[in-house]
Structure formats: C-alpha cells, structure tokens
Amino acid sequence: MILMGALLVVSAVTAAVGVVVILILLSHPPLPLPKIYGLIALILFSLAVALYCYGWFSVILGGPFPELCKSENDAGAELAAIKQQYWPLRSACLYSDGSTVEYVSMSINVVVCLLAGSALVSTGTSVFLRKRVGQSPGATS
C-alpha cells in the first residue's frame, strides 16, 4: 500500500513537472519537436499511472462506487465475501446463495487505457521524428 502511494505521488509530480517543462520549452523557440512529443508521452503515461493508483486505492478502501455491499441481497442471502480485482478495477459482493453483484469502474479503466494508448502513440511519434531528423539530407551523423 505504501508502494502504491509512493507511485501515485511520483507519477502526479512527474506529470506536473512535465507540463512545466513543456511550458518553458514553448516560450523558447525553436521547438525541438521530438522532445516535445517525448515529454507529452511522459505526461500522459504519468497521468495514466496516477489515475490507476487512485482507482487502486478506491478499490482497496471500498470502491469508487456509490453502492456498497449490503449485508443481505434482495433474496435474503447474507454477504459471504467481498472480492476485489485490480485490473480491471472492480469490486464484487459475493452472497451465500451464490449470487454476485459487481461494481466495475469503467470510467477509470477506460481513461487509463486511453491515456496509456496516447502515451504510446506520442512515444512512437517522438521516435519517428527523431529518426527522420537524423536522416535529413543536411544532417551529419
């Protein structure tokens, strides 16, 4: 739990520092485009990690869900266990009659996947632009 807390803090700080660095780079042209895309990738990946850590803590502490497990379901069966899964982030209430009520935080899962996917695209763009700049006719290697 301490490790996830540290990861949450580090990723949030990394994202904030990345935004500040991009703002500084934007005020001092010419812009090194591959580095900008690399920083954008770092920011997006850091935000994805921070959001996942937030969701992880939410699941550990009872879930980011409005409903909590009831002591009895509608059929009168008693709560037997609460099962938590960390990817995708979900909580499940297991009742003695075998029924299960799941609470899945799709918003967190979708946003984490979108941020991580965007970070991968930005990383690929940065690598492509870096190689393209290195292959330009006027460049010396």
C-alpha atoms as a PDB file:
ATOM      1  CA  MET A   1       0.000   0.000   0.000  1.00  0.00           C
ATOM      2  CA  ILE A   2       2.909   2.336   0.729  1.00  0.00           C
ATOM      3  CA  LEU A   3       4.431   1.469  -2.652  1.00  0.00           C
ATOM      4  CA  MET A   4       1.211   2.400  -4.476  1.00  0.00           C
ATOM      5  CA  GLY A   5       1.025   5.650  -2.511  1.00  0.00           C
ATOM      6  CA  ALA A   6       4.599   6.490  -3.461  1.00  0.00           C
ATOM      7  CA  LEU A   7       3.852   5.602  -7.090  1.00  0.00           C
ATOM      8  CA  LEU A   8       0.797   7.868  -7.018  1.00  0.00           C
ATOM      9  CA  VAL A   9       2.820  10.792  -5.652  1.00  0.00           C
ATOM     10  CA  VAL A  10       5.746  10.257  -8.045  1.00  0.00           C
ATOM     11  CA  SER A  11       3.513   9.973 -11.103  1.00  0.00           C
ATOM     12  CA  ALA A  12       1.496  13.069 -10.182  1.00  0.00           C
ATOM     13  CA  VAL A  13       4.674  15.087  -9.582  1.00  0.00           C
ATOM     14  CA  THR A  14       6.182  13.802 -12.845  1.00  0.00           C
ATOM     15  CA  ALA A  15       3.097  14.874 -14.793  1.00  0.00           C
ATOM     16  CA  ALA A  16       3.164  18.339 -13.197  1.00  0.00           C
ATOM     17  CA  VAL A  17       6.884  18.799 -13.853  1.00  0.00           C
ATOM     18  CA  GLY A  18       6.387  17.645 -17.451  1.00  0.00           C
ATOM     19  CA  VAL A  19       3.713  20.288 -18.003  1.00  0.00           C
ATOM     20  CA  VAL A  20       6.014  22.982 -16.570  1.00  0.00           C
ATOM     21  CA  VAL A  21       8.893  21.858 -18.815  1.00  0.00           C
ATOM     22  CA  ILE A  22       6.657  21.961 -21.896  1.00  0.00           C
ATOM     23  CA  LEU A  23       5.512  25.468 -20.989  1.00  0.00           C
ATOM     24  CA  ILE A  24       9.142  26.546 -20.624  1.00  0.00           C
ATOM     25  CA  LEU A  25      10.040  24.966 -23.989  1.00  0.00           C
ATOM     26  CA  LEU A  26       7.115  26.699 -25.676  1.00  0.00           C
ATOM     27  CA  SER A  27       8.386  30.092 -24.523  1.00  0.00           C
ATOM     28  CA  HIS A  28      11.866  29.482 -26.003  1.00  0.00           C
ATOM     29  CA  PRO A  29      11.556  28.627 -29.727  1.00  0.00           C
ATOM     30  CA  PRO A  30      12.654  26.866 -31.876  1.00  0.00           C
ATOM     31  CA  LEU A  31      10.793  23.868 -30.524  1.00  0.00           C
ATOM     32  CA  PRO A  32      12.586  20.509 -30.560  1.00  0.00           C
ATOM     33  CA  LEU A  33       9.542  18.553 -31.760  1.00  0.00           C
ATOM     34  CA  PRO A  34      10.766  15.022 -30.881  1.00  0.00           C
ATOM     35  CA  LYS A  35      11.466  16.162 -27.310  1.00  0.00           C
ATOM     36  CA  ILE A  36       8.025  17.793 -27.039  1.00  0.00           C
ATOM     37  CA  TYR A  37       6.359  14.528 -28.105  1.00  0.00           C
ATOM     38  CA  GLY A  38       8.564  12.618 -25.671  1.00  0.00           C
ATOM     39  CA  LEU A  39       7.523  14.914 -22.820  1.00  0.00           C
ATOM     40  CA  ILE A  40       3.872  14.615 -23.828  1.00  0.00           C
ATOM     41  CA  ALA A  41       4.269  10.825 -23.711  1.00  0.00           C
ATOM     42  CA  LEU A  42       5.809  11.081 -20.232  1.00  0.00           C
ATOM     43  CA  ILE A  43       2.970  13.304 -19.025  1.00  0.00           C
ATOM     44  CA  LEU A  44       0.255  11.031 -20.444  1.00  0.00           C
ATOM     45  CA  PHE A  45       1.883   7.906 -19.030  1.00  0.00           C
ATOM     46  CA  SER A  46       2.322   9.562 -15.624  1.00  0.00           C
ATOM     47  CA  LEU A  47      -1.323  10.609 -15.620  1.00  0.00           C
ATOM     48  CA  ALA A  48      -2.368   7.049 -16.516  1.00  0.00           C
ATOM     49  CA  VAL A  49      -0.311   5.661 -13.625  1.00  0.00           C
ATOM     50  CA  ALA A  50      -1.652   8.276 -11.197  1.00  0.00           C
ATOM     51  CA  LEU A  51      -5.250   7.561 -12.222  1.00  0.00           C
ATOM     52  CA  TYR A  52      -4.731   3.801 -11.926  1.00  0.00           C
ATOM     53  CA  CYS A  53      -3.239   4.272  -8.444  1.00  0.00           C
ATOM     54  CA  TYR A  54      -6.241   6.403  -7.483  1.00  0.00           C
ATOM     55  CA  GLY A  55      -8.564   3.643  -8.683  1.00  0.00           C
ATOM     56  CA  TRP A  56      -6.499   1.021  -6.859  1.00  0.00           C
ATOM     57  CA  PHE A  57      -6.814   2.943  -3.603  1.00  0.00           C
ATOM     58  CA  SER A  58     -10.539   3.369  -4.239  1.00  0.00           C
ATOM     59  CA  VAL A  59     -10.979  -0.391  -4.650  1.00  0.00           C
ATOM     60  CA  ILE A  60      -8.870  -1.114  -1.545  1.00  0.00           C
ATOM     61  CA  LEU A  61     -10.846   1.382   0.510  1.00  0.00           C
ATOM     62  CA  GLY A  62     -14.262   0.147  -0.624  1.00  0.00           C
ATOM     63  CA  GLY A  63     -14.502   1.146  -4.249  1.00  0.00           C
ATOM     64  CA  PRO A  64     -15.253   4.325  -6.165  1.00  0.00           C
ATOM     65  CA  PHE A  65     -18.788   3.072  -6.416  1.00  0.00           C
ATOM     66  CA  PRO A  66     -21.902   4.686  -4.973  1.00  0.00           C
ATOM     67  CA  GLU A  67     -23.217   1.356  -3.742  1.00  0.00           C
ATOM     68  CA  LEU A  68     -21.534  -0.609  -1.027  1.00  0.00           C
ATOM     69  CA  CYS A  69     -22.140  -4.272  -0.412  1.00  0.00           C
ATOM     70  CA  LYS A  70     -25.359  -4.790   1.519  1.00  0.00           C
ATOM     71  CA  SER A  71     -25.389  -7.301   4.357  1.00  0.00           C
ATOM     72  CA  GLU A  72     -28.217  -9.148   2.543  1.00  0.00           C
ATOM     73  CA  ASN A  73     -29.191  -9.239  -1.116  1.00  0.00           C
ATOM     74  CA  ASP A  74     -32.777  -8.901  -2.370  1.00  0.00           C
ATOM     75  CA  ALA A  75     -33.365 -12.653  -1.970  1.00  0.00           C
ATOM     76  CA  GLY A  76     -32.307 -12.526   1.693  1.00  0.00           C
ATOM     77  CA  ALA A  77     -28.932 -14.264   1.306  1.00  0.00           C
ATOM     78  CA  GLU A  78     -26.199 -12.992   3.593  1.00  0.00           C
ATOM     79  CA  LEU A  79     -22.969 -11.398   2.391  1.00  0.00           C
ATOM     80  CA  ALA A  80     -20.304 -14.106   2.256  1.00  0.00           C
ATOM     81  CA  ALA A  81     -17.292 -12.207   0.909  1.00  0.00           C
ATOM     82  CA  ILE A  82     -16.072  -9.187  -0.971  1.00  0.00           C
ATOM     83  CA  LYS A  83     -13.744  -9.923  -3.879  1.00  0.00           C
ATOM     84  CA  GLN A  84     -11.527  -7.180  -5.251  1.00  0.00           C
ATOM     85  CA  GLN A  85      -9.724  -7.264  -8.576  1.00  0.00           C
ATOM     86  CA  TYR A  86      -7.112  -4.758  -9.604  1.00  0.00           C
ATOM     87  CA  TRP A  87      -7.259  -4.955 -13.404  1.00  0.00           C
ATOM     88  CA  PRO A  88      -9.782  -4.091 -14.453  1.00  0.00           C
ATOM     89  CA  LEU A  89     -10.520  -2.282 -11.209  1.00  0.00           C
ATOM     90  CA  ARG A  90     -13.597  -3.898  -9.727  1.00  0.00           C
ATOM     91  CA  SER A  91     -15.272  -4.949  -6.503  1.00  0.00           C
ATOM     92  CA  ALA A  92     -17.684  -7.850  -6.224  1.00  0.00           C
ATOM     93  CA  CYS A  93     -20.111  -8.707  -3.423  1.00  0.00           C
ATOM     94  CA  LEU A  94     -20.475 -12.494  -3.066  1.00  0.00           C
ATOM     95  CA  TYR A  95     -23.591 -13.763  -1.265  1.00  0.00           C
ATOM     96  CA  SER A  96     -24.240 -17.093   0.441  1.00  0.00           C
ATOM     97  CA  ASP A  97     -26.749 -18.186  -2.239  1.00  0.00           C
ATOM     98  CA  GLY A  98     -24.006 -17.918  -4.895  1.00  0.00           C
ATOM     99  CA  SER A  99     -25.137 -14.631  -6.395  1.00  0.00           C
ATOM    100  CA  THR A 100     -22.644 -11.882  -7.166  1.00  0.00           C
ATOM    101  CA  VAL A 101     -23.079  -8.147  -7.535  1.00  0.00           C
ATOM    102  CA  GLU A 102     -20.158  -6.493  -9.316  1.00  0.00           C
ATOM    103  CA  TYR A 103     -19.217  -2.851  -9.338  1.00  0.00           C
ATOM    104  CA  VAL A 104     -16.824  -2.007 -12.150  1.00  0.00           C
ATOM    105  CA  SER A 105     -15.327   1.434 -12.505  1.00  0.00           C
ATOM    106  CA  MET A 106     -15.338   1.608 -16.288  1.00  0.00           C
ATOM    107  CA  SER A 107     -14.598   5.319 -16.325  1.00  0.00           C
ATOM    108  CA  ILE A 108     -11.250   4.815 -14.591  1.00  0.00           C
ATOM    109  CA  ASN A 109     -10.376   1.765 -16.713  1.00  0.00           C
ATOM    110  CA  VAL A 110     -11.253   3.491 -19.993  1.00  0.00           C
ATOM    111  CA  VAL A 111      -9.407   6.724 -19.158  1.00  0.00           C
ATOM    112  CA  VAL A 112      -6.311   4.793 -18.008  1.00  0.00           C
ATOM    113  CA  CYS A 113      -6.294   2.831 -21.290  1.00  0.00           C
ATOM    114  CA  LEU A 114      -6.824   5.993 -23.362  1.00  0.00           C
ATOM    115  CA  LEU A 115      -4.013   7.840 -21.574  1.00  0.00           C
ATOM    116  CA  ALA A 116      -1.625   4.891 -21.873  1.00  0.00           C
ATOM    117  CA  GLY A 117      -2.508   4.406 -25.557  1.00  0.00           C
ATOM    118  CA  SER A 118      -1.998   8.104 -26.254  1.00  0.00           C
ATOM    119  CA  ALA A 119       1.365   7.917 -24.472  1.00  0.00           C
ATOM    120  CA  LEU A 120       2.396   5.040 -26.741  1.00  0.00           C
ATOM    121  CA  VAL A 121       1.356   6.973 -29.856  1.00  0.00           C
ATOM    122  CA  SER A 122       3.245  10.040 -28.665  1.00  0.00           C
ATOM    123  CA  THR A 123       6.323   7.917 -27.939  1.00  0.00           C
ATOM    124  CA  GLY A 124       6.154   6.411 -31.424  1.00  0.00           C
ATOM    125  CA  THR A 125       5.801   9.874 -32.950  1.00  0.00           C
ATOM    126  CA  SER A 126       8.802  11.111 -30.977  1.00  0.00           C
ATOM    127  CA  VAL A 127      10.942   8.177 -32.109  1.00  0.00           C
ATOM    128  CA  PHE A 128       9.807   8.592 -35.735  1.00  0.00           C
ATOM    129  CA  LEU A 129      10.567  12.318 -35.740  1.00  0.00           C
ATOM    130  CA  ARG A 130      13.950  11.776 -34.075  1.00  0.00           C
ATOM    131  CA  LYS A 131      14.927   9.211 -36.733  1.00  0.00           C
ATOM    132  CA  ARG A 132      13.569  11.410 -39.516  1.00  0.00           C
ATOM    133  CA  VAL A 133      15.588  14.413 -38.323  1.00  0.00           C
ATOM    134  CA  GLY A 134      18.689  12.215 -38.202  1.00  0.00           C
ATOM    135  CA  GLN A 135      18.119  11.070 -41.819  1.00  0.00           C
ATOM    136  CA  SER A 136      17.532  14.501 -43.325  1.00  0.00           C
ATOM    137  CA  PRO A 137      19.920  15.368 -46.197  1.00  0.00           C
ATOM    138  CA  GLY A 138      21.586  18.254 -44.320  1.00  0.00           C
ATOM    139  CA  ALA A 139      22.195  16.268 -41.138  1.00  0.00           C
ATOM    140  CA  THR A 140      25.609  14.905 -40.302  1.00  0.00           C
ATOM    141  CA  SER A 141      25.964  11.760 -38.278  1.00  0.00           C
END
